Amino acid sequence: MSGVVAPVLVGLMGSGKSSIGRRLARALELELIDLDEYIVDKAGMSIPAIFAAEGEEAFRDRETAALREVLGRPAVIATGGGAVMREENRQLLKAHPPVIWLKASPKFLARRIKGDSNRPLIAGGDVRKRLRALAKIRHPLYKECADFILPRADMSKDEAMVAILEFLANWPKRG
């Protein structure tokens, strides 16, 4: 499809960036680039393995490099939940709109991701408490980058996709 707007999805872990991104990519006839999967493929190891071997800062370095490589491609991009933590990444995201924030409560997210061993930032302890702490830090950063905020609440993935498609249909055509 020519002239299709390629959105970038941001939000906390479990907000549906990958799963809604897959649906959106199909609907828009675009590739989905899941940034975490992209990093894992390039590194040849899982995210928990990268965190264990190199630390979070090295993972964030990989994330910034990956973001630079994929932004601007004709694809739906699903970022990792922490991509907004670096100012450089927020500037990159703002330079490649539209950025869509899938906003969800820690309660909603905890139900979706409890027991997921591929999420090192919530491993062990009270998942909902950890998500609340992450939300407090990251929500203002998502808001800073977002061209569209979609409150997930109990919205299904298909309902979320329809809302995003409606937003994209009215998104200003660039350049």
C-alpha atoms as a PDB file:
ATOM      1  CA  MET A   1       0.000   0.000   0.000  1.00  0.00           C
ATOM      2  CA  SER A   2       1.583   3.287  -0.989  1.00  0.00           C
ATOM      3  CA  GLY A   3       1.199   6.287   1.272  1.00  0.00           C
ATOM      4  CA  VAL A   4       0.549   4.107   4.312  1.00  0.00           C
ATOM      5  CA  VAL A   5       1.573   5.677   7.588  1.00  0.00           C
ATOM      6  CA  ALA A   6       3.959   3.431   9.534  1.00  0.00           C
ATOM      7  CA  PRO A   7       3.298   3.883  13.266  1.00  0.00           C
ATOM      8  CA  VAL A   8       5.603   3.281  16.219  1.00  0.00           C
ATOM      9  CA  LEU A   9       4.023   1.686  19.307  1.00  0.00           C
ATOM     10  CA  VAL A  10       5.222   2.507  22.813  1.00  0.00           C
ATOM     11  CA  GLY A  11       3.984   1.497  26.254  1.00  0.00           C
ATOM     12  CA  LEU A  12       4.778  -0.583  29.299  1.00  0.00           C
ATOM     13  CA  MET A  13       5.513  -4.295  29.008  1.00  0.00           C
ATOM     14  CA  GLY A  14       2.327  -6.233  28.426  1.00  0.00           C
ATOM     15  CA  SER A  15       0.387  -3.305  26.928  1.00  0.00           C
ATOM     16  CA  GLY A  16       0.021  -5.157  23.622  1.00  0.00           C
ATOM     17  CA  LYS A  17       2.694  -3.519  21.475  1.00  0.00           C
ATOM     18  CA  SER A  18       3.720  -6.801  19.833  1.00  0.00           C
ATOM     19  CA  SER A  19       0.304  -8.449  19.548  1.00  0.00           C
ATOM     20  CA  ILE A  20      -1.550  -5.312  18.433  1.00  0.00           C
ATOM     21  CA  GLY A  21       1.449  -4.453  16.252  1.00  0.00           C
ATOM     22  CA  ARG A  22       1.071  -7.802  14.423  1.00  0.00           C
ATOM     23  CA  ARG A  23      -2.606  -7.111  13.728  1.00  0.00           C
ATOM     24  CA  LEU A  24      -1.864  -3.559  12.648  1.00  0.00           C
ATOM     25  CA  ALA A  25       0.952  -4.648  10.330  1.00  0.00           C
ATOM     26  CA  ARG A  26      -1.385  -7.144   8.636  1.00  0.00           C
ATOM     27  CA  ALA A  27      -4.126  -4.520   8.241  1.00  0.00           C
ATOM     28  CA  LEU A  28      -1.683  -1.956   6.815  1.00  0.00           C
ATOM     29  CA  GLU A  29       0.148  -4.561   4.696  1.00  0.00           C
ATOM     30  CA  LEU A  30       3.429  -3.674   6.377  1.00  0.00           C
ATOM     31  CA  GLU A  31       6.162  -5.628   8.120  1.00  0.00           C
ATOM     32  CA  LEU A  32       6.165  -5.683  11.929  1.00  0.00           C
ATOM     33  CA  ILE A  33       9.492  -4.922  13.535  1.00  0.00           C
ATOM     34  CA  ASP A  34       9.386  -5.918  17.192  1.00  0.00           C
ATOM     35  CA  LEU A  35      12.417  -4.080  18.543  1.00  0.00           C
ATOM     36  CA  ASP A  36      13.062  -6.615  21.325  1.00  0.00           C
ATOM     37  CA  GLU A  37      12.999  -9.503  18.813  1.00  0.00           C
ATOM     38  CA  TYR A  38      15.252  -7.489  16.498  1.00  0.00           C
ATOM     39  CA  ILE A  39      17.776  -7.028  19.328  1.00  0.00           C
ATOM     40  CA  VAL A  40      17.586 -10.711  20.314  1.00  0.00           C
ATOM     41  CA  ASP A  41      18.170 -11.793  16.691  1.00  0.00           C
ATOM     42  CA  LYS A  42      21.187  -9.484  16.312  1.00  0.00           C
ATOM     43  CA  ALA A  43      22.671 -10.413  19.707  1.00  0.00           C
ATOM     44  CA  GLY A  44      22.049 -14.142  19.363  1.00  0.00           C
ATOM     45  CA  MET A  45      20.809 -14.306  22.957  1.00  0.00           C
ATOM     46  CA  SER A  46      17.652 -13.599  24.925  1.00  0.00           C
ATOM     47  CA  ILE A  47      16.950 -10.314  26.687  1.00  0.00           C
ATOM     48  CA  PRO A  48      17.447 -11.890  30.136  1.00  0.00           C
ATOM     49  CA  ALA A  49      20.783 -13.290  28.878  1.00  0.00           C
ATOM     50  CA  ILE A  50      21.839  -9.840  27.614  1.00  0.00           C
ATOM     51  CA  PHE A  51      20.887  -8.295  30.978  1.00  0.00           C
ATOM     52  CA  ALA A  52      22.792 -11.036  32.866  1.00  0.00           C
ATOM     53  CA  ALA A  53      25.913 -10.954  30.679  1.00  0.00           C
ATOM     54  CA  GLU A  54      26.161  -7.238  29.888  1.00  0.00           C
ATOM     55  CA  GLY A  55      23.797  -5.355  32.202  1.00  0.00           C
ATOM     56  CA  GLU A  56      20.839  -3.086  31.520  1.00  0.00           C
ATOM     57  CA  GLU A  57      22.971  -0.196  30.230  1.00  0.00           C
ATOM     58  CA  ALA A  58      24.496  -2.370  27.490  1.00  0.00           C
ATOM     59  CA  PHE A  59      21.007  -3.587  26.564  1.00  0.00           C
ATOM     60  CA  ARG A  60      19.890   0.060  26.304  1.00  0.00           C
ATOM     61  CA  ASP A  61      22.892   0.743  24.021  1.00  0.00           C
ATOM     62  CA  ARG A  62      21.730  -2.109  21.782  1.00  0.00           C
ATOM     63  CA  GLU A  63      18.183  -0.734  21.914  1.00  0.00           C
ATOM     64  CA  THR A  64      19.271   2.750  20.788  1.00  0.00           C
ATOM     65  CA  ALA A  65      21.325   1.298  17.927  1.00  0.00           C
ATOM     66  CA  ALA A  66      18.379  -0.870  16.848  1.00  0.00           C
ATOM     67  CA  LEU A  67      15.974   2.062  16.996  1.00  0.00           C
ATOM     68  CA  ARG A  68      18.285   4.089  14.749  1.00  0.00           C
ATOM     69  CA  GLU A  69      18.407   1.189  12.271  1.00  0.00           C
ATOM     70  CA  VAL A  70      14.654   0.593  12.003  1.00  0.00           C
ATOM     71  CA  LEU A  71      12.987   3.993  12.336  1.00  0.00           C
ATOM     72  CA  GLY A  72      11.837   5.321   9.018  1.00  0.00           C
ATOM     73  CA  ARG A  73      11.365   1.895   7.453  1.00  0.00           C
ATOM     74  CA  PRO A  74       7.929   1.129   6.005  1.00  0.00           C
ATOM     75  CA  ALA A  75       6.964  -1.005   8.990  1.00  0.00           C
ATOM     76  CA  VAL A  76       4.946  -1.012  12.177  1.00  0.00           C
ATOM     77  CA  ILE A  77       7.527  -0.771  14.958  1.00  0.00           C
ATOM     78  CA  ALA A  78       6.808  -2.162  18.413  1.00  0.00           C
ATOM     79  CA  THR A  79       9.394  -0.752  20.817  1.00  0.00           C
ATOM     80  CA  GLY A  80      10.439  -2.278  24.099  1.00  0.00           C
ATOM     81  CA  GLY A  81       8.815  -0.778  27.177  1.00  0.00           C
ATOM     82  CA  GLY A  82      12.001   0.986  28.253  1.00  0.00           C
ATOM     83  CA  ALA A  83      12.935   2.518  24.908  1.00  0.00           C
ATOM     84  CA  VAL A  84      11.741   5.924  26.128  1.00  0.00           C
ATOM     85  CA  MET A  85      14.174   5.942  29.057  1.00  0.00           C
ATOM     86  CA  ARG A  86      16.913   7.620  27.022  1.00  0.00           C
ATOM     87  CA  GLU A  87      16.536  11.197  25.848  1.00  0.00           C
ATOM     88  CA  GLU A  88      18.203  10.237  22.546  1.00  0.00           C
ATOM     89  CA  ASN A  89      15.528   7.598  21.919  1.00  0.00           C
ATOM     90  CA  ARG A  90      12.712  10.034  22.730  1.00  0.00           C
ATOM     91  CA  GLN A  91      14.166  12.487  20.204  1.00  0.00           C
ATOM     92  CA  LEU A  92      14.393   9.712  17.594  1.00  0.00           C
ATOM     93  CA  LEU A  93      10.772   8.724  18.251  1.00  0.00           C
ATOM     94  CA  LYS A  94       9.545  12.321  18.008  1.00  0.00           C
ATOM     95  CA  ALA A  95      11.360  12.671  14.680  1.00  0.00           C
ATOM     96  CA  HIS A  96       9.474   9.643  13.256  1.00  0.00           C
ATOM     97  CA  PRO A  97       5.768  10.105  13.997  1.00  0.00           C
ATOM     98  CA  PRO A  98       3.174   8.890  14.522  1.00  0.00           C
ATOM     99  CA  VAL A  99       4.013   7.429  17.913  1.00  0.00           C
ATOM    100  CA  ILE A 100       1.117   5.625  19.575  1.00  0.00           C
ATOM    101  CA  TRP A 101       1.130   5.030  23.317  1.00  0.00           C
ATOM    102  CA  LEU A 102      -0.781   1.925  24.387  1.00  0.00           C
ATOM    103  CA  LYS A 103      -1.629   3.102  27.890  1.00  0.00           C
ATOM    104  CA  ALA A 104      -2.644   0.447  30.401  1.00  0.00           C
ATOM    105  CA  SER A 105      -2.925   0.247  34.166  1.00  0.00           C
ATOM    106  CA  PRO A 106      -0.455  -1.783  36.226  1.00  0.00           C
ATOM    107  CA  LYS A 107      -3.392  -4.000  37.298  1.00  0.00           C
ATOM    108  CA  PHE A 108      -4.253  -4.795  33.641  1.00  0.00           C
ATOM    109  CA  LEU A 109      -0.588  -5.380  32.794  1.00  0.00           C
ATOM    110  CA  ALA A 110       0.077  -7.595  35.823  1.00  0.00           C
ATOM    111  CA  ARG A 111      -2.739  -9.937  34.749  1.00  0.00           C
ATOM    112  CA  ARG A 112      -1.181 -10.239  31.291  1.00  0.00           C
ATOM    113  CA  ILE A 113       2.485 -10.741  32.160  1.00  0.00           C
ATOM    114  CA  LYS A 114       2.561 -12.492  35.533  1.00  0.00           C
ATOM    115  CA  GLY A 115       5.006 -15.394  35.359  1.00  0.00           C
ATOM    116  CA  ASP A 116       6.658 -14.236  32.101  1.00  0.00           C
ATOM    117  CA  SER A 117      10.324 -15.168  32.570  1.00  0.00           C
ATOM    118  CA  ASN A 118      11.419 -13.067  29.582  1.00  0.00           C
ATOM    119  CA  ARG A 119      10.951  -9.769  31.462  1.00  0.00           C
ATOM    120  CA  PRO A 120      14.001  -9.155  33.651  1.00  0.00           C
ATOM    121  CA  LEU A 121      12.745  -5.873  35.135  1.00  0.00           C
ATOM    122  CA  ILE A 122       9.855  -7.636  36.896  1.00  0.00           C
ATOM    123  CA  ALA A 123      11.541 -10.933  37.747  1.00  0.00           C
ATOM    124  CA  GLY A 124      10.715 -11.897  41.313  1.00  0.00           C
ATOM    125  CA  GLY A 125       8.760  -9.847  43.796  1.00  0.00           C
ATOM    126  CA  ASP A 126       5.429  -8.065  43.526  1.00  0.00           C
ATOM    127  CA  VAL A 127       4.704  -7.650  39.792  1.00  0.00           C
ATOM    128  CA  ARG A 128       1.989  -5.021  40.253  1.00  0.00           C
ATOM    129  CA  LYS A 129       4.173  -2.971  42.624  1.00  0.00           C
ATOM    130  CA  ARG A 130       7.071  -3.081  40.157  1.00  0.00           C
ATOM    131  CA  LEU A 131       4.763  -2.074  37.293  1.00  0.00           C
ATOM    132  CA  ARG A 132       3.428   0.864  39.339  1.00  0.00           C
ATOM    133  CA  ALA A 133       7.018   2.037  39.902  1.00  0.00           C
ATOM    134  CA  LEU A 134       7.805   1.701  36.177  1.00  0.00           C
ATOM    135  CA  ALA A 135       4.573   3.526  35.243  1.00  0.00           C
ATOM    136  CA  LYS A 136       5.420   6.428  37.542  1.00  0.00           C
ATOM    137  CA  ILE A 137       8.749   6.894  35.768  1.00  0.00           C
ATOM    138  CA  ARG A 138       7.753   6.052  32.203  1.00  0.00           C
ATOM    139  CA  HIS A 139       4.242   7.452  31.742  1.00  0.00           C
ATOM    140  CA  PRO A 140       5.479  11.068  31.441  1.00  0.00           C
ATOM    141  CA  LEU A 141       8.086   9.896  28.916  1.00  0.00           C
ATOM    142  CA  TYR A 142       5.527   8.030  26.804  1.00  0.00           C
ATOM    143  CA  LYS A 143       3.291  11.105  26.910  1.00  0.00           C
ATOM    144  CA  GLU A 144       6.201  13.286  25.760  1.00  0.00           C
ATOM    145  CA  CYS A 145       6.631  11.153  22.619  1.00  0.00           C
ATOM    146  CA  ALA A 146       3.028  10.237  21.853  1.00  0.00           C
ATOM    147  CA  ASP A 147       1.032  11.607  18.955  1.00  0.00           C
ATOM    148  CA  PHE A 148      -1.911   9.435  20.049  1.00  0.00           C
ATOM    149  CA  ILE A 149      -2.698   7.960  23.458  1.00  0.00           C
ATOM    150  CA  LEU A 150      -4.888   4.868  23.446  1.00  0.00           C
ATOM    151  CA  PRO A 151      -6.195   3.975  26.916  1.00  0.00           C
ATOM    152  CA  ARG A 152      -6.402   0.167  26.775  1.00  0.00           C
ATOM    153  CA  ALA A 153      -8.567  -0.349  29.881  1.00  0.00           C
ATOM    154  CA  ASP A 154     -10.396  -3.583  29.012  1.00  0.00           C
ATOM    155  CA  MET A 155     -10.325  -2.867  25.280  1.00  0.00           C
ATOM    156  CA  SER A 156      -9.681  -6.000  23.209  1.00  0.00           C
ATOM    157  CA  LYS A 157      -6.704  -6.150  20.869  1.00  0.00           C
ATOM    158  CA  ASP A 158      -9.023  -5.941  17.859  1.00  0.00           C
ATOM    159  CA  GLU A 159     -10.826  -2.900  19.321  1.00  0.00           C
ATOM    160  CA  ALA A 160      -7.441  -1.280  19.956  1.00  0.00           C
ATOM    161  CA  MET A 161      -6.379  -1.964  16.380  1.00  0.00           C
ATOM    162  CA  VAL A 162      -9.579  -0.396  15.006  1.00  0.00           C
ATOM    163  CA  ALA A 163      -9.046   2.722  17.163  1.00  0.00           C
ATOM    164  CA  ILE A 164      -5.471   3.015  15.899  1.00  0.00           C
ATOM    165  CA  LEU A 165      -6.545   2.556  12.275  1.00  0.00           C
ATOM    166  CA  GLU A 166      -9.143   5.328  12.726  1.00  0.00           C
ATOM    167  CA  PHE A 167      -6.444   7.603  14.136  1.00  0.00           C
ATOM    168  CA  LEU A 168      -4.068   6.769  11.277  1.00  0.00           C
ATOM    169  CA  ALA A 169      -6.758   7.445   8.664  1.00  0.00           C
ATOM    170  CA  ASN A 170      -6.865  11.024   9.899  1.00  0.00           C
ATOM    171  CA  TRP A 171      -3.132  11.422  10.513  1.00  0.00           C
ATOM    172  CA  PRO A 172      -1.699  14.287   8.482  1.00  0.00           C
ATOM    173  CA  LYS A 173       0.074  13.151   5.354  1.00  0.00           C
ATOM    174  CA  ARG A 174       3.742  14.126   5.573  1.00  0.00           C
ATOM    175  CA  GLY A 175       5.940  15.626   2.948  1.00  0.00           C
END
